[in-house]
């Protein structure tokens, strides 16, 4: 590996969208995350917390609740009053159903996953039966006064705890009647009496109901008598979220101050016959409101306005103390947001609602290693392309020659022809696009920019010939019989003869583009594919998986380039290996070769993201 001239790009003004809900699935060890723009992501926690699925957002979709139901089915609900089920194979919305109660603030599945309870603006709790192909309204429980902001089923499935403003109600599922109502303590530290919003509830097997509220309290209630058993004042601001471990021996809550509190059930007597909930550890991993939390068997999971998804392992639950046991703070998406036109030195940046086209800067200067070279021409913003309609952009790509830009939403595909004259850019949309290209999940151009490859949510791969201002359908590779798996990654060989496509089940298929037929399949691996590419000279396929192929042994010294140059010839030869380490870059969203001696690296410093977030709640520090 030689030395490179590197374009260090920091003008991609990417700001991740805040997290609204997280929902953990115990059966599959997967985590669903919804964001404030209505987008939904699914992380495979068993595969190094890889983001394996993504559903783009929608301007009219406000996700206030997210939950899993029977058969690994995922549902969301929001302020537009609809319940949505997601198609986890085709990566799209399967259908939406009206909740018949106005805006929906909360939703929870019963322990068997056969029913969904939704909490509505009109004070009603409605039960929907989860049928094989759809959900259907079964009945409405006794209406309460005020919107239902939080819900939790008793593990037996016989009762539901519903949190509203100033109270928690207990509803009998069979009769639909209210059996108990607990009025909240409205006292707030350092302030006058005001309304108390119950943001979260958890119903435990022994009949205890745990509530979190806007008064900064975590309170424990006896659901039989309606009496307050225990109170924990945690914060001077709202306690927004709560989640309980499946064994009910641990719970986590999140606050508007960005703090996570861990509670554990500790024996209060030496014989172990009595136990008490004790606050054990506070954690400060967020700068803003923690809107939602989840509890896996081995970790506390949280997300909020600062857009960080934090997975903190419980060390007493982790058997092997390795990389998997480390704290994970996921900020950036595990999918491509940037594409490069190498010949024209252009970068296309994808935002949820627009695309931006930039030309890289140039330099005429020369220098030695690690020199910062002055620019003879600054980077230039050439074009902004806004999306059509309410759906957010899910994928995009620019051709290597810079003459074509393609992008897709959940239901429409767009192709544009670019023209560059006298430092000006003109753009023309290709109007006649075949309907089978709609709902593209991945888009890729061939190296010579004459072909376009589109992976659809039906599991098909379309090959399209491009000509001046038009396109021609060449071939469609259909999925194998009985499979509708969506393709998550595409790679084409530089000579244009081979196309590799990776699905979500860790398999990779190879297609012969010269004869337009399937060639072979790479044996499936235990972990999903995170990246793939075809080498230019050898046509070797290189695949990276979520488990990170083993690096050299822990005791192997890995020298950086500067240290190796200073070392003797004997040491350089002895420590030669394929791994070259550079720690000079900020978090990287993209890196690619422009030519044999030039790299482009798109950095996104975390402090730049934090600077664009709304100010957090001001916390009083000791001594101020």
Foldseek 3Di string as FASTA:
>chain_A
DDAFAEAAAAPQLDFFFFWFEWEADQVQRKIWTAGQQGKIWIFRLVLLRAGLAIAFGFNVDGWQEWYAAPPRWIWTFFQQQKIWTADPFLRYTLDIDGNPAGTWQYWDAALRRQWIWTWHQQQKTWIWGDDPRHIHTDGIADGDPGTFNEWEAANVRQWMWTWGKQWIWIAGPVVSYTDDIAGDDQDAPPDDGDIKGFQYWYAYNQQWIWTWIQSQKTWIARNNVNDTDDIDRHDNGGFHEKEAEPVRQKIWTWAQQQKIWIWGWAQPDPVSPHTDIDTDDIDRPDRGGFNYWYDHQFWTWTTGRSQWIWTAGDVVRDDDPDPSNDIDTDRDHLAAQWEAQLVQQWIWGFDFFKIWIKHQFAAPDDDDPPDDGDTPGHIGTADMGTDDHRFTWQEKYAANNRQKIWTAGQFDIWIWGWDDDPNHIDIDTLDDDDRVQHRFNYWDAANVRQWIWTWHSQRKIWIWGDDVSDIHTDDIDHDDPPHRGTWRDWEAANVRQKIWTFTSQQKIWIAGPVVGGTDGIDDGDNFHWSDWYQDHPPRDIDTAGSNGPDDPDPPQDADAPVVLVPDDPVVVVVNDDDDHDDDPAADWSDKDDSDPRYIYTHHHHSVSNVVPGPRRDDDDDPPD
